[in-house]
Amino acid sequence: DESYGLAKARNMGLIEATGEIVVFCDDRLIMHPGAVAAFVT
């Protein structure tokens, strides 16, 4: 019944991630359609 917290939640996401590039995006932020391409470039 305990909340894990934002930082720990992000860390758990990193464990599951398989990408060579990692982008953090909180649920309240809508990414621009070209954001991922810009990061990769």
Full PDB file with SEQRES, HELIX, SHEET, SSBOND, CRYST1, ORIGX, SCALE, CONECT and MASTER records, all heavy atoms in Angstrom:
SEQRES   1 A   41  ASP GLU SER TYR GLY LEU ALA LYS ALA ARG ASN MET GLY          
SEQRES   2 A   41  LEU ILE GLU ALA THR GLY GLU ILE VAL VAL PHE CYS ASP          
SEQRES   3 A   41  ASP ARG LEU ILE MET HIS PRO GLY ALA VAL ALA ALA PHE          
SEQRES   4 A   41  VAL THR                                                      
HELIX    1 AA1 LEU A    6  GLU A   16  1                                  11    
HELIX    2 AA2 ALA A   35  VAL A   40  1                                   6    
CRYST1    1.000    1.000    1.000  90.00  90.00  90.00 P 1           1          
ORIGX1      1.000000  0.000000  0.000000        0.00000                         
ORIGX2      0.000000  1.000000  0.000000        0.00000                         
ORIGX3      0.000000  0.000000  1.000000        0.00000                         
SCALE1      1.000000  0.000000  0.000000        0.00000                         
SCALE2      0.000000  1.000000  0.000000        0.00000                         
SCALE3      0.000000  0.000000  1.000000        0.00000                         
ATOM      1  N   ASP A   1       0.805  -1.211   0.000  1.00  0.00           N  
ATOM      2  CA  ASP A   1       0.000   0.000   0.000  1.00  0.00           C  
ATOM      3  C   ASP A   1       0.843   1.268   0.000  1.00  0.00           C  
ATOM      4  O   ASP A   1       0.333   2.354   0.197  1.00  0.00           O  
ATOM      5  CB  ASP A   1      -0.940   0.028   1.223  1.00  0.00           C  
ATOM      6  CG  ASP A   1      -2.039  -1.000   1.103  1.00  0.00           C  
ATOM      7  OD1 ASP A   1      -2.413  -1.308  -0.038  1.00  0.00           O  
ATOM      8  OD2 ASP A   1      -2.514  -1.491   2.137  1.00  0.00           O  
ATOM      9  N   GLU A   2       2.136   1.139  -0.201  1.00  0.00           N  
ATOM     10  CA  GLU A   2       3.006   2.304  -0.155  1.00  0.00           C  
ATOM     11  C   GLU A   2       3.334   2.790  -1.559  1.00  0.00           C  
ATOM     12  O   GLU A   2       3.603   2.004  -2.449  1.00  0.00           O  
ATOM     13  CB  GLU A   2       4.312   1.957   0.560  1.00  0.00           C  
ATOM     14  CG  GLU A   2       4.125   1.558   2.008  1.00  0.00           C  
ATOM     15  CD  GLU A   2       5.438   1.137   2.638  1.00  0.00           C  
ATOM     16  OE1 GLU A   2       6.495   1.542   2.131  1.00  0.00           O  
ATOM     17  OE2 GLU A   2       5.392   0.406   3.626  1.00  0.00           O  
ATOM     18  N   SER A   3       3.333   4.094  -1.725  1.00  0.00           N  
ATOM     19  CA  SER A   3       3.748   4.677  -2.990  1.00  0.00           C  
ATOM     20  C   SER A   3       5.262   4.567  -3.104  1.00  0.00           C  
ATOM     21  O   SER A   3       5.981   4.754  -2.129  1.00  0.00           O  
ATOM     22  CB  SER A   3       3.326   6.152  -3.047  1.00  0.00           C  
ATOM     23  OG  SER A   3       3.790   6.741  -4.224  1.00  0.00           O  
ATOM     24  N   TYR A   4       5.754   4.252  -4.279  1.00  0.00           N  
ATOM     25  CA  TYR A   4       7.183   4.058  -4.469  1.00  0.00           C  
ATOM     26  C   TYR A   4       7.899   5.382  -4.715  1.00  0.00           C  
ATOM     27  O   TYR A   4       9.078   5.502  -4.495  1.00  0.00           O  
ATOM     28  CB  TYR A   4       7.394   3.093  -5.634  1.00  0.00           C  
ATOM     29  CG  TYR A   4       8.649   2.277  -5.527  1.00  0.00           C  
ATOM     30  CD1 TYR A   4       8.929   1.534  -4.392  1.00  0.00           C  
ATOM     31  CD2 TYR A   4       9.566   2.252  -6.562  1.00  0.00           C  
ATOM     32  CE1 TYR A   4      10.077   0.782  -4.295  1.00  0.00           C  
ATOM     33  CE2 TYR A   4      10.723   1.499  -6.474  1.00  0.00           C  
ATOM     34  CZ  TYR A   4      10.959   0.758  -5.337  1.00  0.00           C  
ATOM     35  OH  TYR A   4      12.099   0.022  -5.245  1.00  0.00           O  
ATOM     36  N   GLY A   5       7.200   6.393  -5.218  1.00  0.00           N  
ATOM     37  CA  GLY A   5       7.806   7.699  -5.449  1.00  0.00           C  
ATOM     38  C   GLY A   5       8.339   7.846  -6.862  1.00  0.00           C  
ATOM     39  O   GLY A   5       8.679   6.873  -7.525  1.00  0.00           O  
ATOM     40  N   LEU A   6       8.416   9.097  -7.329  1.00  0.00           N  
ATOM     41  CA  LEU A   6       8.789   9.404  -8.710  1.00  0.00           C  
ATOM     42  C   LEU A   6      10.190   8.913  -9.073  1.00  0.00           C  
ATOM     43  O   LEU A   6      10.381   8.253 -10.094  1.00  0.00           O  
ATOM     44  CB  LEU A   6       8.667  10.909  -8.961  1.00  0.00           C  
ATOM     45  CG  LEU A   6       9.031  11.394 -10.357  1.00  0.00           C  
ATOM     46  CD1 LEU A   6       8.148  10.746 -11.408  1.00  0.00           C  
ATOM     47  CD2 LEU A   6       8.917  12.913 -10.416  1.00  0.00           C  
ATOM     48  N   ALA A   7      11.172   9.226  -8.268  1.00  0.00           N  
ATOM     49  CA  ALA A   7      12.551   8.837  -8.596  1.00  0.00           C  
ATOM     50  C   ALA A   7      12.695   7.323  -8.669  1.00  0.00           C  
ATOM     51  O   ALA A   7      13.293   6.786  -9.605  1.00  0.00           O  
ATOM     52  CB  ALA A   7      13.523   9.418  -7.575  1.00  0.00           C  
ATOM     53  N   LYS A   8      12.128   6.628  -7.705  1.00  0.00           N  
ATOM     54  CA  LYS A   8      12.224   5.169  -7.705  1.00  0.00           C  
ATOM     55  C   LYS A   8      11.412   4.573  -8.849  1.00  0.00           C  
ATOM     56  O   LYS A   8      11.815   3.584  -9.445  1.00  0.00           O  
ATOM     57  CB  LYS A   8      11.786   4.604  -6.362  1.00  0.00           C  
ATOM     58  CG  LYS A   8      12.786   4.904  -5.261  1.00  0.00           C  
ATOM     59  CD  LYS A   8      12.364   4.297  -3.943  1.00  0.00           C  
ATOM     60  CE  LYS A   8      13.376   4.623  -2.868  1.00  0.00           C  
ATOM     61  NZ  LYS A   8      12.994   4.103  -1.571  1.00  0.00           N  
ATOM     62  N   ALA A   9      10.277   5.189  -9.173  1.00  0.00           N  
ATOM     63  CA  ALA A   9       9.481   4.711 -10.313  1.00  0.00           C  
ATOM     64  C   ALA A   9      10.285   4.833 -11.597  1.00  0.00           C  
ATOM     65  O   ALA A   9      10.297   3.926 -12.435  1.00  0.00           O  
ATOM     66  CB  ALA A   9       8.176   5.495 -10.411  1.00  0.00           C  
ATOM     67  N   ARG A  10      10.971   5.960 -11.779  1.00  0.00           N  
ATOM     68  CA  ARG A  10      11.814   6.130 -12.965  1.00  0.00           C  
ATOM     69  C   ARG A  10      12.916   5.083 -13.002  1.00  0.00           C  
ATOM     70  O   ARG A  10      13.248   4.543 -14.059  1.00  0.00           O  
ATOM     71  CB  ARG A  10      12.409   7.534 -12.989  1.00  0.00           C  
ATOM     72  CG  ARG A  10      11.413   8.597 -13.357  1.00  0.00           C  
ATOM     73  CD  ARG A  10      12.053   9.962 -13.330  1.00  0.00           C  
ATOM     74  NE  ARG A  10      11.127  10.972 -13.823  1.00  0.00           N  
ATOM     75  CZ  ARG A  10      11.285  12.256 -13.643  1.00  0.00           C  
ATOM     76  NH1 ARG A  10      12.332  12.717 -12.990  1.00  0.00           N  
ATOM     77  NH2 ARG A  10      10.408  13.104 -14.126  1.00  0.00           N  
ATOM     78  N   ASN A  11      13.508   4.798 -11.851  1.00  0.00           N  
ATOM     79  CA  ASN A  11      14.564   3.783 -11.794  1.00  0.00           C  
ATOM     80  C   ASN A  11      14.031   2.408 -12.181  1.00  0.00           C  
ATOM     81  O   ASN A  11      14.701   1.648 -12.884  1.00  0.00           O  
ATOM     82  CB  ASN A  11      15.203   3.734 -10.407  1.00  0.00           C  
ATOM     83  CG  ASN A  11      16.085   4.931 -10.141  1.00  0.00           C  
ATOM     84  OD1 ASN A  11      16.566   5.578 -11.068  1.00  0.00           O  
ATOM     85  ND2 ASN A  11      16.279   5.246  -8.877  1.00  0.00           N  
ATOM     86  N   MET A  12      12.830   2.080 -11.736  1.00  0.00           N  
ATOM     87  CA  MET A  12      12.235   0.799 -12.111  1.00  0.00           C  
ATOM     88  C   MET A  12      11.964   0.751 -13.614  1.00  0.00           C  
ATOM     89  O   MET A  12      12.098  -0.289 -14.247  1.00  0.00           O  
ATOM     90  CB  MET A  12      10.963   0.546 -11.305  1.00  0.00           C  
ATOM     91  CG  MET A  12      11.260   0.253  -9.840  1.00  0.00           C  
ATOM     92  SD  MET A  12       9.775  -0.060  -8.875  1.00  0.00           S  
ATOM     93  CE  MET A  12       9.419  -1.737  -9.377  1.00  0.00           C  
ATOM     94  N   GLY A  13      11.599   1.897 -14.189  1.00  0.00           N  
ATOM     95  CA  GLY A  13      11.420   1.967 -15.635  1.00  0.00           C  
ATOM     96  C   GLY A  13      12.722   1.730 -16.380  1.00  0.00           C  
ATOM     97  O   GLY A  13      12.748   1.071 -17.424  1.00  0.00           O  
ATOM     98  N   LEU A  14      13.811   2.266 -15.840  1.00  0.00           N  
ATOM     99  CA  LEU A  14      15.124   2.040 -16.450  1.00  0.00           C  
ATOM    100  C   LEU A  14      15.483   0.564 -16.476  1.00  0.00           C  
ATOM    101  O   LEU A  14      16.085   0.080 -17.430  1.00  0.00           O  
ATOM    102  CB  LEU A  14      16.206   2.802 -15.688  1.00  0.00           C  
ATOM    103  CG  LEU A  14      16.369   4.268 -16.038  1.00  0.00           C  
ATOM    104  CD1 LEU A  14      17.330   4.938 -15.070  1.00  0.00           C  
ATOM    105  CD2 LEU A  14      16.851   4.430 -17.460  1.00  0.00           C  
ATOM    106  N   ILE A  15      15.118  -0.164 -15.434  1.00  0.00           N  
ATOM    107  CA  ILE A  15      15.401  -1.598 -15.383  1.00  0.00           C  
ATOM    108  C   ILE A  15      14.687  -2.319 -16.524  1.00  0.00           C  
ATOM    109  O   ILE A  15      15.244  -3.216 -17.152  1.00  0.00           O  
ATOM    110  CB  ILE A  15      14.993  -2.180 -14.013  1.00  0.00           C  
ATOM    111  CG1 ILE A  15      15.925  -1.641 -12.925  1.00  0.00           C  
ATOM    112  CG2 ILE A  15      15.002  -3.702 -14.030  1.00  0.00           C  
ATOM    113  CD1 ILE A  15      15.460  -1.914 -11.511  1.00  0.00           C  
ATOM    114  N   GLU A  16      13.471  -1.917 -16.828  1.00  0.00           N  
ATOM    115  CA  GLU A  16      12.677  -2.575 -17.875  1.00  0.00           C  
ATOM    116  C   GLU A  16      12.992  -2.078 -19.281  1.00  0.00           C  
ATOM    117  O   GLU A  16      12.670  -2.725 -20.262  1.00  0.00           O  
ATOM    118  CB  GLU A  16      11.186  -2.385 -17.599  1.00  0.00           C  
ATOM    119  CG  GLU A  16      10.709  -3.066 -16.346  1.00  0.00           C  
ATOM    120  CD  GLU A  16      10.932  -4.574 -16.382  1.00  0.00           C  
ATOM    121  OE1 GLU A  16      10.740  -5.197 -17.437  1.00  0.00           O  
ATOM    122  OE2 GLU A  16      11.316  -5.125 -15.333  1.00  0.00           O  
ATOM    123  N   ALA A  17      13.613  -0.921 -19.396  1.00  0.00           N  
ATOM    124  CA  ALA A  17      13.877  -0.312 -20.703  1.00  0.00           C  
ATOM    125  C   ALA A  17      14.892  -1.124 -21.497  1.00  0.00           C  
ATOM    126  O   ALA A  17      15.855  -1.644 -20.954  1.00  0.00           O  
ATOM    127  CB  ALA A  17      14.390   1.112 -20.514  1.00  0.00           C  
ATOM    128  N   THR A  18      14.671  -1.211 -22.816  1.00  0.00           N  
ATOM    129  CA  THR A  18      15.601  -1.917 -23.694  1.00  0.00           C  
ATOM    130  C   THR A  18      16.245  -0.980 -24.711  1.00  0.00           C  
ATOM    131  O   THR A  18      17.080  -1.408 -25.493  1.00  0.00           O  
ATOM    132  CB  THR A  18      14.897  -3.060 -24.451  1.00  0.00           C  
ATOM    133  OG1 THR A  18      13.836  -2.521 -25.220  1.00  0.00           O  
ATOM    134  CG2 THR A  18      14.381  -4.117 -23.501  1.00  0.00           C  
ATOM    135  N   GLY A  19      15.877   0.288 -24.715  1.00  0.00           N  
ATOM    136  CA  GLY A  19      16.411   1.227 -25.689  1.00  0.00           C  
ATOM    137  C   GLY A  19      17.833   1.657 -25.378  1.00  0.00           C  
ATOM    138  O   GLY A  19      18.273   1.634 -24.232  1.00  0.00           O  
ATOM    139  N   GLU A  20      18.537   2.066 -26.422  1.00  0.00           N  
ATOM    140  CA  GLU A  20      19.880   2.611 -26.255  1.00  0.00           C  
ATOM    141  C   GLU A  20      19.818   4.072 -25.813  1.00  0.00           C  
ATOM    142  O   GLU A  20      20.770   4.596 -25.252  1.00  0.00           O  
ATOM    143  CB  GLU A  20      20.659   2.493 -27.561  1.00  0.00           C  
ATOM    144  CG  GLU A  20      20.980   1.061 -27.935  1.00  0.00           C  
ATOM    145  CD  GLU A  20      21.691   0.954 -29.268  1.00  0.00           C  
ATOM    146  OE1 GLU A  20      22.400   1.904 -29.662  1.00  0.00           O  
ATOM    147  OE2 GLU A  20      21.521  -0.081 -29.923  1.00  0.00           O  
ATOM    148  N   ILE A  21      18.706   4.722 -26.124  1.00  0.00           N  
ATOM    149  CA  ILE A  21      18.453   6.092 -25.682  1.00  0.00           C  
ATOM    150  C   ILE A  21      17.212   6.059 -24.799  1.00  0.00           C  
ATOM    151  O   ILE A  21      16.227   5.397 -25.124  1.00  0.00           O  
ATOM    152  CB  ILE A  21      18.241   7.038 -26.882  1.00  0.00           C  
ATOM    153  CG1 ILE A  21      19.530   7.139 -27.698  1.00  0.00           C  
ATOM    154  CG2 ILE A  21      17.767   8.416 -26.427  1.00  0.00           C  
ATOM    155  CD1 ILE A  21      19.404   7.955 -28.966  1.00  0.00           C  
ATOM    156  N   VAL A  22      17.272   6.762 -23.678  1.00  0.00           N  
ATOM    157  CA  VAL A  22      16.151   6.802 -22.742  1.00  0.00           C  
ATOM    158  C   VAL A  22      15.636   8.232 -22.660  1.00  0.00           C  
ATOM    159  O   VAL A  22      16.418   9.174 -22.505  1.00  0.00           O  
ATOM    160  CB  VAL A  22      16.588   6.310 -21.347  1.00  0.00           C  
ATOM    161  CG1 VAL A  22      15.458   6.451 -20.342  1.00  0.00           C  
ATOM    162  CG2 VAL A  22      17.063   4.870 -21.418  1.00  0.00           C  
ATOM    163  N   VAL A  23      14.327   8.381 -22.775  1.00  0.00           N  
ATOM    164  CA  VAL A  23      13.668   9.679 -22.659  1.00  0.00           C  
ATOM    165  C   VAL A  23      12.675   9.572 -21.497  1.00  0.00           C  
ATOM    166  O   VAL A  23      11.859   8.655 -21.466  1.00  0.00           O  
ATOM    167  CB  VAL A  23      12.911  10.048 -23.957  1.00  0.00           C  
ATOM    168  CG1 VAL A  23      12.140  11.341 -23.793  1.00  0.00           C  
ATOM    169  CG2 VAL A  23      13.858  10.121 -25.139  1.00  0.00           C  
ATOM    170  N   PHE A  24      12.766  10.501 -20.552  1.00  0.00           N  
ATOM    171  CA  PHE A  24      11.806  10.546 -19.455  1.00  0.00           C  
ATOM    172  C   PHE A  24      10.716  11.548 -19.813  1.00  0.00           C  
ATOM    173  O   PHE A  24      11.016  12.673 -20.218  1.00  0.00           O  
ATOM    174  CB  PHE A  24      12.483  10.991 -18.157  1.00  0.00           C  
ATOM    175  CG  PHE A  24      13.463   9.984 -17.629  1.00  0.00           C  
ATOM    176  CD1 PHE A  24      14.818  10.129 -17.879  1.00  0.00           C  
ATOM    177  CD2 PHE A  24      13.037   8.902 -16.884  1.00  0.00           C  
ATOM    178  CE1 PHE A  24      15.736   9.214 -17.397  1.00  0.00           C  
ATOM    179  CE2 PHE A  24      13.945   7.977 -16.400  1.00  0.00           C  
ATOM    180  CZ  PHE A  24      15.296   8.129 -16.660  1.00  0.00           C  
ATOM    181  N   CYS A  25       9.477  11.128 -19.673  1.00  0.00           N  
ATOM    182  CA  CYS A  25       8.346  12.018 -19.961  1.00  0.00           C  
ATOM    183  C   CYS A  25       7.257  11.742 -18.935  1.00  0.00           C  
ATOM    184  O   CYS A  25       6.656  10.670 -18.949  1.00  0.00           O  
ATOM    185  CB  CYS A  25       7.826  11.779 -21.379  1.00  0.00           C  
ATOM    186  SG  CYS A  25       6.441  12.835 -21.815  1.00  0.00           S  
ATOM    187  N   ASP A  26       7.016  12.691 -18.051  1.00  0.00           N  
ATOM    188  CA  ASP A  26       5.956  12.508 -17.075  1.00  0.00           C  
ATOM    189  C   ASP A  26       4.606  12.478 -17.779  1.00  0.00           C  
ATOM    190  O   ASP A  26       4.433  13.055 -18.857  1.00  0.00           O  
ATOM    191  CB  ASP A  26       5.997  13.612 -16.025  1.00  0.00           C  
ATOM    192  CG  ASP A  26       7.181  13.448 -15.085  1.00  0.00           C  
ATOM    193  OD1 ASP A  26       7.884  12.422 -15.191  1.00  0.00           O  
ATOM    194  OD2 ASP A  26       7.414  14.332 -14.258  1.00  0.00           O  
ATOM    195  N   ASP A  27       3.643  11.845 -17.149  1.00  0.00           N  
ATOM    196  CA  ASP A  27       2.337  11.627 -17.777  1.00  0.00           C  
ATOM    197  C   ASP A  27       1.605  12.914 -18.145  1.00  0.00           C  
ATOM    198  O   ASP A  27       0.787  12.933 -19.046  1.00  0.00           O  
ATOM    199  CB  ASP A  27       1.451  10.770 -16.878  1.00  0.00           C  
ATOM    200  CG  ASP A  27       1.228  11.364 -15.496  1.00  0.00           C  
ATOM    201  OD1 ASP A  27       1.669  12.512 -15.245  1.00  0.00           O  
ATOM    202  OD2 ASP A  27       0.606  10.684 -14.661  1.00  0.00           O  
ATOM    203  N   ARG A  28       1.905  14.012 -17.512  1.00  0.00           N  
ATOM    204  CA  ARG A  28       1.187  15.260 -17.775  1.00  0.00           C  
ATOM    205  C   ARG A  28       1.751  16.046 -18.957  1.00  0.00           C  
ATOM    206  O   ARG A  28       1.188  17.048 -19.367  1.00  0.00           O  
ATOM    207  CB  ARG A  28       1.171  16.134 -16.530  1.00  0.00           C  
ATOM    208  CG  ARG A  28       2.523  16.716 -16.181  1.00  0.00           C  
ATOM    209  CD  ARG A  28       2.475  17.493 -14.876  1.00  0.00           C  
ATOM    210  NE  ARG A  28       3.714  18.159 -14.612  1.00  0.00           N  
ATOM    211  CZ  ARG A  28       4.799  17.594 -14.110  1.00  0.00           C  
ATOM    212  NH1 ARG A  28       4.783  16.302 -13.830  1.00  0.00           N  
ATOM    213  NH2 ARG A  28       5.889  18.286 -13.894  1.00  0.00           N  
ATOM    214  N   LEU A  29       2.905  15.631 -19.491  1.00  0.00           N  
ATOM    215  CA  LEU A  29       3.536  16.352 -20.589  1.00  0.00           C  
ATOM    216  C   LEU A  29       3.305  15.628 -21.908  1.00  0.00           C  
ATOM    217  O   LEU A  29       3.618  14.446 -22.036  1.00  0.00           O  
ATOM    218  CB  LEU A  29       5.040  16.490 -20.347  1.00  0.00           C  
ATOM    219  CG  LEU A  29       5.431  17.266 -19.098  1.00  0.00           C  
ATOM    220  CD1 LEU A  29       6.938  17.227 -18.910  1.00  0.00           C  
ATOM    221  CD2 LEU A  29       4.953  18.697 -19.181  1.00  0.00           C  
ATOM    222  N   ILE A  30       2.762  16.344 -22.870  1.00  0.00           N  
ATOM    223  CA  ILE A  30       2.543  15.778 -24.199  1.00  0.00           C  
ATOM    224  C   ILE A  30       3.752  16.119 -25.058  1.00  0.00           C  
ATOM    225  O   ILE A  30       4.099  17.285 -25.222  1.00  0.00           O  
ATOM    226  CB  ILE A  30       1.258  16.355 -24.848  1.00  0.00           C  
ATOM    227  CG1 ILE A  30       0.038  16.089 -23.957  1.00  0.00           C  
ATOM    228  CG2 ILE A  30       1.068  15.812 -26.243  1.00  0.00           C  
ATOM    229  CD1 ILE A  30      -0.381  14.654 -23.859  1.00  0.00           C  
ATOM    230  N   MET A  31       4.377  15.106 -25.613  1.00  0.00           N  
ATOM    231  CA  MET A  31       5.573  15.326 -26.422  1.00  0.00           C  
ATOM    232  C   MET A  31       5.201  15.835 -27.816  1.00  0.00           C  
ATOM    233  O   MET A  31       4.234  15.373 -28.416  1.00  0.00           O  
ATOM    234  CB  MET A  31       6.368  14.028 -26.562  1.00  0.00           C  
ATOM    235  CG  MET A  31       6.969  13.560 -25.267  1.00  0.00           C  
ATOM    236  SD  MET A  31       7.743  11.935 -25.386  1.00  0.00           S  
ATOM    237  CE  MET A  31       9.165  12.316 -26.364  1.00  0.00           C  
ATOM    238  N   HIS A  32       5.981  16.749 -28.325  1.00  0.00           N  
ATOM    239  CA  HIS A  32       5.859  17.212 -29.696  1.00  0.00           C  
ATOM    240  C   HIS A  32       6.105  16.007 -30.615  1.00  0.00           C  
ATOM    241  O   HIS A  32       6.936  15.148 -30.297  1.00  0.00           O  
ATOM    242  CB  HIS A  32       6.892  18.312 -29.958  1.00  0.00           C  
ATOM    243  CG  HIS A  32       6.811  18.900 -31.309  1.00  0.00           C  
ATOM    244  ND1 HIS A  32       7.392  18.303 -32.398  1.00  0.00           N  
ATOM    245  CD2 HIS A  32       6.224  20.017 -31.762  1.00  0.00           C  
ATOM    246  CE1 HIS A  32       7.166  19.029 -33.466  1.00  0.00           C  
ATOM    247  NE2 HIS A  32       6.451  20.078 -33.101  1.00  0.00           N  
ATOM    248  N   PRO A  33       5.412  15.912 -31.761  1.00  0.00           N  
ATOM    249  CA  PRO A  33       5.600  14.748 -32.644  1.00  0.00           C  
ATOM    250  C   PRO A  33       7.036  14.542 -33.122  1.00  0.00           C  
ATOM    251  O   PRO A  33       7.411  13.436 -33.489  1.00  0.00           O  
ATOM    252  CB  PRO A  33       4.678  15.045 -33.828  1.00  0.00           C  
ATOM    253  CG  PRO A  33       3.640  15.953 -33.284  1.00  0.00           C  
ATOM    254  CD  PRO A  33       4.327  16.779 -32.232  1.00  0.00           C  
ATOM    255  N   GLY A  34       7.861  15.559 -33.085  1.00  0.00           N  
ATOM    256  CA  GLY A  34       9.245  15.415 -33.511  1.00  0.00           C  
ATOM    257  C   GLY A  34      10.243  15.326 -32.367  1.00  0.00           C  
ATOM    258  O   GLY A  34      11.462  15.337 -32.596  1.00  0.00           O  
ATOM    259  N   ALA A  35       9.760  15.215 -31.133  1.00  0.00           N  
ATOM    260  CA  ALA A  35      10.652  15.245 -29.965  1.00  0.00           C  
ATOM    261  C   ALA A  35      11.627  14.072 -29.952  1.00  0.00           C  
ATOM    262  O   ALA A  35      12.829  14.255 -29.767  1.00  0.00           O  
ATOM    263  CB  ALA A  35       9.839  15.271 -28.675  1.00  0.00           C  
ATOM    264  N   VAL A  36      11.135  12.850 -30.148  1.00  0.00           N  
ATOM    265  CA  VAL A  36      12.018  11.684 -30.092  1.00  0.00           C  
ATOM    266  C   VAL A  36      13.048  11.749 -31.218  1.00  0.00           C  
ATOM    267  O   VAL A  36      14.237  11.496 -31.004  1.00  0.00           O  
ATOM    268  CB  VAL A  36      11.214  10.367 -30.134  1.00  0.00           C  
ATOM    269  CG1 VAL A  36      12.139   9.165 -30.195  1.00  0.00           C  
ATOM    270  CG2 VAL A  36      10.302  10.261 -28.910  1.00  0.00           C  
ATOM    271  N   ALA A  37      12.611  12.132 -32.410  1.00  0.00           N  
ATOM    272  CA  ALA A  37      13.549  12.266 -33.536  1.00  0.00           C  
ATOM    273  C   ALA A  37      14.619  13.304 -33.227  1.00  0.00           C  
ATOM    274  O   ALA A  37      15.802  13.107 -33.537  1.00  0.00           O  
ATOM    275  CB  ALA A  37      12.792  12.636 -34.811  1.00  0.00           C  
ATOM    276  N   ALA A  38      14.236  14.403 -32.586  1.00  0.00           N  
ATOM    277  CA  ALA A  38      15.206  15.449 -32.236  1.00  0.00           C  
ATOM    278  C   ALA A  38      16.215  14.934 -31.210  1.00  0.00           C  
ATOM    279  O   ALA A  38      17.415  15.206 -31.330  1.00  0.00           O  
ATOM    280  CB  ALA A  38      14.482  16.675 -31.700  1.00  0.00           C  
ATOM    281  N   PHE A  39      15.740  14.195 -30.213  1.00  0.00           N  
ATOM    282  CA  PHE A  39      16.656  13.607 -29.239  1.00  0.00           C  
ATOM    283  C   PHE A  39      17.644  12.670 -29.922  1.00  0.00           C  
ATOM    284  O   PHE A  39      18.843  12.742 -29.690  1.00  0.00           O  
ATOM    285  CB  PHE A  39      15.889  12.828 -28.164  1.00  0.00           C  
ATOM    286  CG  PHE A  39      15.367  13.669 -27.048  1.00  0.00           C  
ATOM    287  CD1 PHE A  39      14.014  13.874 -26.908  1.00  0.00           C  
ATOM    288  CD2 PHE A  39      16.227  14.244 -26.131  1.00  0.00           C  
ATOM    289  CE1 PHE A  39      13.517  14.646 -25.869  1.00  0.00           C  
ATOM    290  CE2 PHE A  39      15.742  15.021 -25.086  1.00  0.00           C  
ATOM    291  CZ  PHE A  39      14.384  15.222 -24.962  1.00  0.00           C  
ATOM    292  N   VAL A  40      17.134  11.784 -30.766  1.00  0.00           N  
ATOM    293  CA  VAL A  40      17.995  10.810 -31.440  1.00  0.00           C  
ATOM    294  C   VAL A  40      19.005  11.520 -32.336  1.00  0.00           C  
ATOM    295  O   VAL A  40      20.194  11.191 -32.330  1.00  0.00           O  
ATOM    296  CB  VAL A  40      17.152   9.793 -32.242  1.00  0.00           C  
ATOM    297  CG1 VAL A  40      18.034   8.915 -33.108  1.00  0.00           C  
ATOM    298  CG2 VAL A  40      16.313   8.948 -31.290  1.00  0.00           C  
ATOM    299  N   THR A  41      18.555  12.517 -33.092  1.00  0.00           N  
ATOM    300  CA  THR A  41      19.460  13.263 -33.973  1.00  0.00           C  
ATOM    301  C   THR A  41      20.577  13.909 -33.166  1.00  0.00           C  
ATOM    302  O   THR A  41      21.749  13.816 -33.524  1.00  0.00           O  
ATOM    303  CB  THR A  41      18.682  14.336 -34.762  1.00  0.00           C  
ATOM    304  OG1 THR A  41      17.710  13.675 -35.569  1.00  0.00           O  
ATOM    305  CG2 THR A  41      19.604  15.154 -35.631  1.00  0.00           C  
TER     306      THR A  41                                                      
MASTER        0    0    0    2    0    0    0    6  305    1    0    4          
END                                                                             
